[in-house]
Amino acid sequence: MITFLIAIGVLCGISALLAAALVLADRYLNNYGVCRIDINDGSRQLEADGGGNLLSVLSTRKIFIPSACGGRGSCGLCKLKIVAGGGPLLPTEEPHLSAAERAADVRLSCQVKVRNDLRIEIPEELFNIREYRAVVERIEELTYDIRKITLTLQDPPAIKFVPGQYVQLECPAYKMSPEPVYRAYSVASDPDREHQIELIVRLVPKGICTTWVFEFMQEGDRVKFNGPYGDFRIRAESRREMIFIAGGSGMAPFCSILARMKKEGNTRKTTCFFGAKSRRDLFYVDKMRRFEQELPDFTFVPALSEPAAEDKWDGAVGLITEVVGNHCRDCSDVEAYLCGSPGMIDACLRVLQERGMTAEFIFFDKFA
């Protein structure tokens, strides 16, 4: 059995090395020359050296396409219509594209290689996305593996965003990454503080950007980000009761949303569920308790799935799906907003729909 497992491990290692070798060979040995990219039927045109992916090529020209996963092909957000020159659809793209999107030549720009001239279409609103330069004003430890990063904007000096939106932070080249990469983080700050934004970053083991944030980022550093992106936001026209469900750093957009609700005097009944493993994984409890005092019909329900004996926890216990299910027996007249890991969100979707909530009233922001 041990010999079999070792053999499997060796084969996996060889496969990974071969895949890496192919990528490097394609990038450095093949000469695709200068490729021309026609955007929106000639309204914009650019030239680029062939070999890179379309997402990266566009970002170097300050055309920023949403990509919560930083171009790894796992979030499915960087969709563009490739009119001509994109090559065949790749297996990595198929899970993210509907039949209608495939028929309309929609592709994931992070998976499309620039190997020849291209004709593409980009939604006009994406040309309003800006790059911002900022200074790391403060780094605050929220838990053992979660940090709040406060960025003070310099150029341009202010940003306007809708609570719930996210930005893409640029991680510069360092020992774990030979070139800059982008990662998406929801804005956690009050939208009226246009000169600063707050990001909540959770450490991902061996994560390129989170390792940089936790091990190398210092107060006073100069950084870049672009945005804002996304349509995760509360539906202001609705008067339904609202449920917020967050896990870990998924609390970020709700901090911004609640700040706006407070300013506007929003009176909608709202319950925010926050799932954590033990007390040491909880943060912003005091902040949420203040919102309970400031908003007329807001309730915060933190829940621990595995409280330790020393936690002396007397609050809700169980997986967040169990806690939500126990609190919300009938969701037929409720709408929900979810932010967290794909697994958490998928599990919550099942619970909410089992209790009568239809898909049109469930809005979510999945971490890639």
Protein backbone atom coordinates (compact mmCIF):
# COMPACT_ATOMS: atom_id res chain seq x y z
CA MET A 1 0.00 0.00 0.00
CA ILE A 2 2.81 2.39 0.92
CA THR A 3 4.62 1.57 -2.34
CA PHE A 4 1.42 2.31 -4.27
CA LEU A 5 0.96 5.70 -2.56
CA ILE A 6 4.60 6.60 -3.22
CA ALA A 7 4.15 5.73 -6.89
CA ILE A 8 1.04 7.90 -7.10
CA GLY A 9 2.90 10.77 -5.46
CA VAL A 10 5.81 10.42 -7.89
CA LEU A 11 3.45 10.40 -10.88
CA CYS A 12 1.64 13.49 -9.59
CA GLY A 13 4.97 15.26 -9.12
CA ILE A 14 6.13 14.34 -12.61
CA SER A 15 2.82 15.55 -14.08
CA ALA A 16 3.13 18.87 -12.28
CA LEU A 17 6.71 19.33 -13.51
CA LEU A 18 5.71 18.50 -17.07
CA ALA A 19 2.80 20.96 -16.94
CA ALA A 20 5.10 23.69 -15.61
CA ALA A 21 7.67 22.89 -18.29
CA LEU A 22 5.05 23.17 -21.02
CA VAL A 23 3.90 26.54 -19.71
CA LEU A 24 7.47 27.83 -19.58
CA ALA A 25 8.26 26.45 -23.02
CA ASP A 26 5.19 28.07 -24.51
CA ARG A 27 6.03 31.37 -22.88
CA TYR A 28 9.73 31.59 -23.62
CA LEU A 29 10.43 29.38 -26.63
CA ASN A 30 7.48 30.14 -28.88
CA ASN A 31 7.65 33.51 -30.56
CA TYR A 32 4.18 34.76 -31.42
CA GLY A 33 5.41 38.21 -32.39
CA VAL A 34 3.35 41.33 -31.91
CA CYS A 35 -0.40 40.68 -31.76
CA ARG A 36 -3.09 43.25 -32.40
CA ILE A 37 -6.19 43.39 -30.21
CA ASP A 38 -9.27 45.10 -31.61
CA ILE A 39 -11.71 46.15 -28.88
CA ASN A 40 -15.41 46.88 -29.44
CA ASP A 41 -15.34 46.90 -33.23
CA GLY A 42 -12.40 49.26 -33.58
CA SER A 43 -13.25 51.77 -30.84
CA ARG A 44 -9.95 50.86 -29.17
CA GLN A 45 -6.92 49.03 -30.48
CA LEU A 46 -3.68 47.93 -28.89
CA GLU A 47 -0.63 45.86 -29.66
CA ALA A 48 1.10 43.38 -27.36
CA ASP A 49 3.80 40.74 -27.47
CA GLY A 50 2.15 37.35 -27.88
CA GLY A 51 2.35 34.59 -25.30
CA GLY A 52 0.57 36.00 -22.27
CA ASN A 53 -3.05 35.57 -21.27
CA LEU A 54 -5.59 38.18 -22.32
CA LEU A 55 -6.46 39.21 -18.76
CA SER A 56 -2.83 40.07 -17.97
CA VAL A 57 -2.25 41.80 -21.29
CA LEU A 58 -5.26 44.06 -20.75
CA SER A 59 -4.27 44.88 -17.16
CA THR A 60 -0.82 46.05 -18.29
CA ARG A 61 -2.67 48.53 -20.51
CA LYS A 62 -4.79 49.70 -17.55
CA ILE A 63 -7.90 47.90 -18.77
CA PHE A 64 -9.03 46.03 -15.68
CA ILE A 65 -11.34 43.03 -15.92
CA PRO A 66 -12.92 41.54 -12.75
CA SER A 67 -11.02 38.50 -11.51
CA ALA A 68 -11.55 37.51 -7.89
CA CYS A 69 -9.13 34.58 -8.18
CA GLY A 70 -6.30 36.58 -9.70
CA GLY A 71 -6.43 34.82 -13.05
CA ARG A 72 -6.34 31.21 -11.86
CA GLY A 73 -9.51 30.23 -13.71
CA SER A 74 -11.48 29.39 -10.57
CA CYS A 75 -13.85 32.35 -10.09
CA GLY A 76 -15.32 32.67 -13.59
CA LEU A 77 -15.66 36.46 -13.37
CA CYS A 78 -13.31 37.57 -16.14
CA LYS A 79 -15.72 36.81 -18.96
CA LEU A 80 -15.36 38.62 -22.27
CA LYS A 81 -16.75 38.02 -25.74
CA ILE A 82 -14.00 36.84 -28.09
CA VAL A 83 -15.25 37.62 -31.58
CA ALA A 84 -12.23 36.15 -33.36
CA GLY A 85 -8.80 34.69 -32.62
CA GLY A 86 -9.43 33.10 -29.23
CA GLY A 87 -8.81 29.51 -30.21
CA PRO A 88 -10.83 26.53 -28.92
CA LEU A 89 -12.70 26.54 -25.61
CA LEU A 90 -10.56 25.01 -22.86
CA PRO A 91 -11.71 22.44 -20.28
CA THR A 92 -10.84 24.93 -17.51
CA GLU A 93 -13.45 27.32 -18.91
CA GLU A 94 -16.34 24.92 -19.41
CA PRO A 95 -17.64 24.77 -15.80
CA HIS A 96 -18.00 28.57 -15.72
CA LEU A 97 -19.88 29.07 -18.99
CA SER A 98 -23.52 28.41 -19.72
CA ALA A 99 -24.68 27.00 -23.05
CA ALA A 100 -25.89 30.47 -24.05
CA GLU A 101 -22.53 32.03 -23.19
CA ARG A 102 -20.65 29.44 -25.20
CA ALA A 103 -22.91 30.06 -28.18
CA ALA A 104 -22.22 33.80 -27.82
CA ASP A 105 -18.41 33.24 -27.87
CA VAL A 106 -17.98 34.27 -24.22
CA ARG A 107 -14.66 33.12 -22.75
CA LEU A 108 -12.60 33.49 -19.57
CA SER A 109 -10.01 36.11 -20.43
CA CYS A 110 -7.50 34.59 -18.00
CA GLN A 111 -7.55 31.35 -20.01
CA VAL A 112 -7.35 32.87 -23.49
CA LYS A 113 -3.77 33.10 -24.73
CA VAL A 114 -2.74 35.99 -26.95
CA ARG A 115 -1.09 34.04 -29.77
CA ASN A 116 -2.45 35.95 -32.75
CA ASP A 117 -4.61 38.96 -33.56
CA LEU A 118 -7.84 39.14 -31.53
CA ARG A 119 -11.19 40.84 -31.82
CA ILE A 120 -12.93 41.19 -28.47
CA GLU A 121 -15.80 43.03 -26.79
CA ILE A 122 -15.52 44.69 -23.37
CA PRO A 123 -18.50 46.24 -21.51
CA GLU A 124 -18.08 50.00 -21.61
CA GLU A 125 -18.52 50.35 -17.83
CA LEU A 126 -15.26 48.46 -17.25
CA PHE A 127 -13.35 51.33 -18.84
CA ASN A 128 -14.34 53.37 -15.77
CA ILE A 129 -12.35 51.06 -13.49
CA ARG A 130 -9.36 52.96 -12.11
CA GLU A 131 -5.99 52.08 -10.71
CA TYR A 132 -5.27 53.63 -7.33
CA ARG A 133 -2.01 54.24 -5.52
CA ALA A 134 -2.16 54.18 -1.76
CA VAL A 135 -0.10 53.97 1.44
CA VAL A 136 -0.56 51.26 4.05
CA GLU A 137 -1.78 53.43 6.92
CA ARG A 138 -2.36 50.70 9.48
CA ILE A 139 -2.18 46.93 9.90
CA GLU A 140 -4.38 45.55 12.68
CA GLU A 141 -4.56 41.98 13.96
CA LEU A 142 -8.22 40.96 14.18
CA THR A 143 -7.47 37.29 14.93
CA TYR A 144 -4.44 35.01 14.71
CA ASP A 145 -5.02 34.64 10.95
CA ILE A 146 -7.06 37.70 9.94
CA ARG A 147 -5.78 41.24 9.48
CA LYS A 148 -7.43 44.54 8.72
CA ILE A 149 -5.44 46.66 6.27
CA THR A 150 -6.19 50.39 6.12
CA LEU A 151 -5.07 52.07 2.90
CA THR A 152 -4.89 55.85 2.50
CA LEU A 153 -5.37 56.87 -1.12
CA GLN A 154 -2.83 59.10 -2.84
CA ASP A 155 -3.48 59.05 -6.59
CA PRO A 156 -6.30 59.58 -7.16
CA PRO A 157 -7.00 60.79 -3.60
CA ALA A 158 -10.54 59.41 -3.28
CA ILE A 159 -12.69 56.48 -4.39
CA LYS A 160 -16.45 56.07 -4.72
CA PHE A 161 -17.90 52.60 -4.29
CA VAL A 162 -21.16 50.91 -3.43
CA PRO A 163 -21.14 48.98 -0.12
CA GLY A 164 -20.57 45.32 -1.02
CA GLN A 165 -18.14 45.95 -3.86
CA TYR A 166 -14.53 44.76 -3.95
CA VAL A 167 -11.14 45.90 -5.22
CA GLN A 168 -8.19 43.98 -6.63
CA LEU A 169 -5.03 44.48 -4.60
CA GLU A 170 -1.74 44.13 -6.46
CA CYS A 171 0.75 41.82 -4.79
CA PRO A 172 4.20 42.86 -6.08
CA ALA A 173 6.80 40.41 -7.31
CA TYR A 174 8.64 38.73 -4.43
CA LYS A 175 10.16 35.36 -3.62
CA MET A 176 6.83 33.49 -3.95
CA SER A 177 5.83 35.17 -7.20
CA PRO A 178 8.13 36.20 -10.07
CA GLU A 179 5.63 38.78 -11.27
CA PRO A 180 2.87 40.93 -9.75
CA VAL A 181 -0.51 39.26 -9.22
CA TYR A 182 -3.92 40.56 -8.21
CA ARG A 183 -6.27 39.25 -5.54
CA ALA A 184 -9.79 40.44 -4.78
CA TYR A 185 -10.88 41.75 -1.37
CA SER A 186 -14.23 43.23 -0.37
CA VAL A 187 -14.12 46.76 0.96
CA ALA A 188 -15.01 46.79 4.67
CA SER A 189 -14.99 50.52 5.34
CA ASP A 190 -17.63 53.22 5.50
CA PRO A 191 -18.23 54.37 1.90
CA ASP A 192 -18.32 57.99 3.05
CA ARG A 193 -14.62 57.78 3.96
CA GLU A 194 -13.57 58.22 0.36
CA HIS A 195 -9.89 58.91 1.16
CA GLN A 196 -9.38 55.51 2.81
CA ILE A 197 -10.46 51.91 2.38
CA GLU A 198 -10.24 48.97 4.75
CA LEU A 199 -9.64 45.40 3.60
CA ILE A 200 -9.96 42.25 5.71
CA VAL A 201 -7.40 39.63 4.70
CA ARG A 202 -7.39 36.06 5.95
CA LEU A 203 -4.14 34.09 5.76
CA VAL A 204 -4.29 31.27 3.22
CA PRO A 205 -1.48 28.71 3.72
CA LYS A 206 1.01 29.21 0.88
CA GLY A 207 -1.26 31.87 -0.63
CA ILE A 208 0.81 34.26 -2.73
CA CYS A 209 -0.95 37.48 -1.76
CA THR A 210 -1.86 36.63 1.83
CA THR A 211 1.70 35.47 2.58
CA TRP A 212 2.94 38.82 1.29
CA VAL A 213 0.41 40.68 3.46
CA PHE A 214 1.28 38.72 6.61
CA GLU A 215 5.03 38.37 6.21
CA PHE A 216 6.20 41.32 4.16
CA MET A 217 3.70 44.18 4.15
CA GLN A 218 4.64 47.03 6.49
CA GLU A 219 2.88 50.20 7.56
CA GLY A 220 4.08 52.98 5.28
CA ASP A 221 4.42 50.73 2.23
CA ARG A 222 3.12 52.03 -1.08
CA VAL A 223 0.67 49.73 -2.83
CA LYS A 224 -1.63 49.67 -5.84
CA PHE A 225 -5.15 48.39 -6.33
CA ASN A 226 -7.87 48.74 -8.95
CA GLY A 227 -11.64 48.80 -8.84
CA PRO A 228 -14.28 48.99 -7.62
CA TYR A 229 -15.97 45.83 -8.95
CA GLY A 230 -19.05 43.73 -8.38
CA ASP A 231 -22.80 44.00 -7.96
CA PHE A 232 -23.04 42.46 -4.49
CA ARG A 233 -25.19 45.04 -2.69
CA ILE A 234 -28.49 45.22 -0.87
CA ARG A 235 -31.54 45.82 -3.02
CA ALA A 236 -32.63 49.23 -1.80
CA GLU A 237 -36.01 48.97 -3.51
CA SER A 238 -36.97 45.91 -1.47
CA ARG A 239 -38.70 46.05 1.92
CA ARG A 240 -38.25 42.37 2.74
CA GLU A 241 -36.61 41.19 5.91
CA MET A 242 -32.87 40.58 5.33
CA ILE A 243 -30.51 37.83 6.44
CA PHE A 244 -26.74 38.35 6.25
CA ILE A 245 -24.56 35.21 6.50
CA ALA A 246 -20.79 35.57 6.79
CA GLY A 247 -17.84 33.32 7.42
CA GLY A 248 -14.32 34.54 8.29
CA SER A 249 -13.26 37.55 6.23
CA GLY A 250 -16.70 37.39 4.57
CA MET A 251 -17.70 39.87 7.28
CA ALA A 252 -16.02 42.65 5.26
CA PRO A 253 -18.82 43.74 2.90
CA PHE A 254 -21.40 43.66 5.68
CA CYS A 255 -19.38 46.18 7.72
CA SER A 256 -19.61 48.59 4.81
CA ILE A 257 -23.29 47.81 4.16
CA LEU A 258 -24.23 48.33 7.82
CA ALA A 259 -22.38 51.65 7.93
CA ARG A 260 -24.49 52.87 5.00
CA MET A 261 -27.68 51.50 6.58
CA LYS A 262 -26.88 53.43 9.76
CA LYS A 263 -26.36 56.69 7.87
CA GLU A 264 -29.59 56.28 5.92
CA GLY A 265 -31.61 55.29 8.98
CA ASN A 266 -32.56 51.99 7.38
CA THR A 267 -35.32 50.31 9.41
CA ARG A 268 -35.52 46.95 7.63
CA LYS A 269 -35.42 43.97 9.93
CA THR A 270 -31.96 42.44 9.53
CA THR A 271 -30.18 39.51 11.16
CA CYS A 272 -26.45 38.95 10.63
CA PHE A 273 -25.16 35.41 11.21
CA PHE A 274 -21.42 35.01 11.62
CA GLY A 275 -19.95 31.51 11.65
CA ALA A 276 -16.61 30.65 13.28
CA LYS A 277 -14.94 27.56 14.69
CA SER A 278 -14.00 28.78 18.19
CA ARG A 279 -13.86 32.05 20.10
CA ARG A 280 -10.37 32.84 18.80
CA ASP A 281 -11.84 32.95 15.27
CA LEU A 282 -14.39 35.61 16.18
CA PHE A 283 -13.83 39.31 15.55
CA TYR A 284 -15.86 42.52 15.33
CA VAL A 285 -18.32 41.28 17.96
CA ASP A 286 -18.21 44.66 19.75
CA LYS A 287 -18.62 46.44 16.41
CA MET A 288 -21.71 44.40 15.62
CA ARG A 289 -23.13 45.01 19.10
CA ARG A 290 -22.82 48.75 18.47
CA PHE A 291 -24.74 48.34 15.23
CA GLU A 292 -27.45 46.58 17.26
CA GLN A 293 -27.77 49.75 19.34
CA GLU A 294 -27.62 52.11 16.36
CA LEU A 295 -29.97 50.30 13.96
CA PRO A 296 -33.59 49.92 15.12
CA ASP A 297 -34.16 46.31 14.02
CA PHE A 298 -30.73 44.72 13.63
CA THR A 299 -29.61 41.52 15.39
CA PHE A 300 -26.17 39.92 15.40
CA VAL A 301 -25.92 36.15 15.88
CA PRO A 302 -22.36 34.78 16.17
CA ALA A 303 -22.08 30.99 16.19
CA LEU A 304 -19.24 28.61 17.03
CA SER A 305 -19.08 25.20 15.42
CA GLU A 306 -16.45 23.78 17.79
CA PRO A 307 -16.20 25.95 20.91
CA ALA A 308 -13.31 25.03 23.21
CA ALA A 309 -13.90 24.41 26.90
CA GLU A 310 -11.95 27.55 27.78
CA ASP A 311 -14.17 29.62 25.50
CA LYS A 312 -17.00 29.50 28.08
CA TRP A 313 -19.36 30.10 25.18
CA ASP A 314 -23.05 30.60 25.89
CA GLY A 315 -24.07 31.67 22.38
CA ALA A 316 -25.26 29.69 19.36
CA VAL A 317 -23.42 26.44 18.71
CA GLY A 318 -23.22 24.46 15.45
CA LEU A 319 -22.44 24.90 11.80
CA ILE A 320 -23.72 28.21 10.54
CA THR A 321 -26.21 26.38 8.32
CA GLU A 322 -27.71 24.68 11.40
CA VAL A 323 -27.92 27.96 13.29
CA VAL A 324 -29.55 29.75 10.36
CA GLY A 325 -31.99 26.87 9.91
CA ASN A 326 -32.98 26.95 13.59
CA HIS A 327 -33.55 30.70 13.57
CA CYS A 328 -35.33 30.92 10.23
CA ARG A 329 -38.10 28.36 9.87
CA ASP A 330 -39.99 30.22 7.13
CA CYS A 331 -37.95 32.18 4.61
CA SER A 332 -40.68 32.69 2.02
CA ASP A 333 -40.76 36.46 2.63
CA VAL A 334 -37.06 36.99 3.33
CA GLU A 335 -34.03 37.82 1.21
CA ALA A 336 -30.49 36.70 1.98
CA TYR A 337 -26.98 38.02 1.38
CA LEU A 338 -24.08 35.60 1.77
CA CYS A 339 -20.32 36.08 1.73
CA GLY A 340 -17.74 33.39 2.42
CA SER A 341 -16.28 30.18 1.10
CA PRO A 342 -17.98 28.30 -1.75
CA GLY A 343 -18.71 25.37 0.57
CA MET A 344 -20.42 27.55 3.15
CA ILE A 345 -22.47 29.36 0.56
CA ASP A 346 -23.60 26.18 -1.22
CA ALA A 347 -24.67 24.66 2.11
CA CYS A 348 -26.57 27.83 3.07
CA LEU A 349 -28.32 27.95 -0.30
CA ARG A 350 -29.77 24.48 0.32
CA VAL A 351 -31.00 25.41 3.80
CA LEU A 352 -32.59 28.67 2.69
CA GLN A 353 -34.33 27.11 -0.28
CA GLU A 354 -35.61 24.23 1.85
CA ARG A 355 -37.29 26.89 4.00
CA GLY A 356 -39.08 28.58 1.13
CA MET A 357 -36.62 31.20 -0.12
CA THR A 358 -36.45 31.37 -3.90
CA ALA A 359 -33.21 31.89 -5.82
CA GLU A 360 -34.20 35.38 -6.98
CA PHE A 361 -33.94 36.61 -3.38
CA ILE A 362 -30.55 35.07 -2.59
CA PHE A 363 -27.45 37.13 -3.35
CA PHE A 364 -23.95 35.95 -2.66
CA ASP A 365 -20.26 36.69 -3.05
CA LYS A 366 -18.19 33.49 -3.17
CA PHE A 367 -14.51 33.51 -2.36
CA ALA A 368 -12.55 31.97 -5.24
